[in-house]
Amino acid sequence: MAPEVVNGEAYGIKADMWSIGVLLYIMMSGYLPFNGKTTEKVFERIRVGKVNFDHLEFNSVSKEGKELICKLLVVDPRKRISAFELISDPWVKKFEDG
């Protein structure tokens, strides 16, 4: 859930970009980027938006893959990348030719 959703603010496609970032994080590591014992703790961590790549699984993830996750998991939706920027990202582009 994107920070703007957690905060009860208006949201749009940039919330979907956040969700893509969460999914990429999970697919690359098997872990949630923001977790906690309570819903409020999870929401608190989402609002802060601090992402870490401490899990061993990230040792095999490229620098570009981690950078893309960071571009997607930006708390301020105005600073989060757009769908166009996502498909133009170097990490995504490297999969175009096969």
Protein backbone atom coordinates (compact mmCIF):
# COMPACT_ATOMS: atom_id res chain seq x y z
CA MET A 1 0.00 0.00 0.00
CA ALA A 2 1.49 3.32 -1.08
CA PRO A 3 2.13 6.03 1.54
CA GLU A 4 -0.54 8.28 0.06
CA VAL A 5 -3.08 5.46 0.44
CA VAL A 6 -1.95 4.76 4.01
CA ASN A 7 -2.36 8.47 4.78
CA GLY A 8 -5.86 8.60 3.31
CA GLU A 9 -4.78 11.07 0.63
CA ALA A 10 -5.83 11.23 -3.00
CA TYR A 11 -3.88 8.83 -5.15
CA GLY A 12 -3.44 7.86 -8.78
CA ILE A 13 -1.20 5.83 -11.03
CA LYS A 14 1.86 6.70 -8.94
CA ALA A 15 0.39 4.44 -6.22
CA ASP A 16 0.55 1.65 -8.80
CA MET A 17 4.21 2.47 -9.39
CA TRP A 18 4.78 1.99 -5.66
CA SER A 19 3.04 -1.38 -5.87
CA ILE A 20 5.31 -2.41 -8.73
CA GLY A 21 8.28 -1.52 -6.53
CA VAL A 22 6.93 -3.69 -3.72
CA LEU A 23 6.37 -6.58 -6.14
CA LEU A 24 9.87 -6.28 -7.60
CA TYR A 25 11.36 -6.27 -4.10
CA ILE A 26 9.40 -9.43 -3.21
CA MET A 27 10.24 -11.16 -6.49
CA MET A 28 13.95 -10.42 -6.12
CA SER A 29 14.25 -11.38 -2.46
CA GLY A 30 11.22 -13.28 -1.21
CA TYR A 31 10.74 -10.69 1.53
CA LEU A 32 8.40 -7.76 2.07
CA PRO A 33 10.12 -4.37 1.89
CA PHE A 34 8.06 -3.05 4.81
CA ASN A 35 6.98 -5.39 7.55
CA GLY A 36 6.08 -5.30 11.20
CA LYS A 37 4.21 -7.12 13.93
CA THR A 38 1.24 -4.79 13.70
CA THR A 39 -0.53 -3.00 10.89
CA GLU A 40 0.41 0.34 12.44
CA LYS A 41 4.10 -0.64 12.47
CA VAL A 42 3.90 -1.62 8.79
CA PHE A 43 2.16 1.69 7.97
CA GLU A 44 4.82 3.58 9.93
CA ARG A 45 7.58 1.92 7.90
CA ILE A 46 5.74 2.62 4.63
CA ARG A 47 5.44 6.31 5.57
CA VAL A 48 9.21 6.49 6.20
CA GLY A 49 9.93 4.52 3.03
CA LYS A 50 13.40 3.35 4.03
CA VAL A 51 14.32 0.39 1.87
CA ASN A 52 17.20 -1.89 2.71
CA PHE A 53 18.85 -4.58 0.69
CA ASP A 54 20.34 -6.48 3.64
CA HIS A 55 18.89 -9.86 2.66
CA LEU A 56 21.43 -12.27 1.18
CA GLU A 57 19.20 -12.72 -1.86
CA PHE A 58 20.05 -9.18 -2.95
CA ASN A 59 23.71 -10.15 -3.39
CA SER A 60 22.74 -11.55 -6.78
CA VAL A 61 20.60 -8.56 -7.79
CA SER A 62 22.27 -6.02 -10.05
CA LYS A 63 22.90 -2.44 -9.01
CA GLU A 64 20.36 -1.36 -11.67
CA GLY A 65 17.70 -3.67 -10.23
CA LYS A 66 18.14 -2.20 -6.75
CA GLU A 67 18.16 1.34 -8.16
CA LEU A 68 14.86 0.71 -9.93
CA ILE A 69 13.26 -0.48 -6.70
CA CYS A 70 14.51 2.70 -5.02
CA LYS A 71 13.02 4.85 -7.81
CA LEU A 72 9.66 3.14 -7.33
CA LEU A 73 9.58 3.16 -3.53
CA VAL A 74 9.81 6.93 -3.13
CA VAL A 75 7.45 8.26 -0.46
CA ASP A 76 6.56 11.47 -2.32
CA PRO A 77 4.50 10.39 -5.36
CA ARG A 78 5.54 13.54 -7.23
CA LYS A 79 9.15 12.31 -7.08
CA ARG A 80 8.33 8.65 -7.82
CA ILE A 81 9.00 7.51 -11.38
CA SER A 82 6.15 7.33 -13.88
CA ALA A 83 5.10 4.34 -15.97
CA PHE A 84 6.94 5.83 -18.95
CA GLU A 85 10.10 6.24 -16.88
CA LEU A 86 9.70 2.67 -15.69
CA ILE A 87 9.63 1.22 -19.19
CA SER A 88 12.58 3.43 -20.12
CA ASP A 89 14.66 2.35 -17.12
CA PRO A 90 18.01 0.66 -17.92
CA TRP A 91 17.11 -2.43 -15.86
CA VAL A 92 13.87 -2.93 -17.83
CA LYS A 93 15.47 -2.08 -21.19
CA LYS A 94 18.04 -4.86 -20.87
CA PHE A 95 15.20 -7.42 -21.18
CA GLU A 96 13.84 -6.03 -24.46
CA ASP A 97 15.97 -8.10 -26.80
CA GLY A 98 15.32 -11.44 -25.35
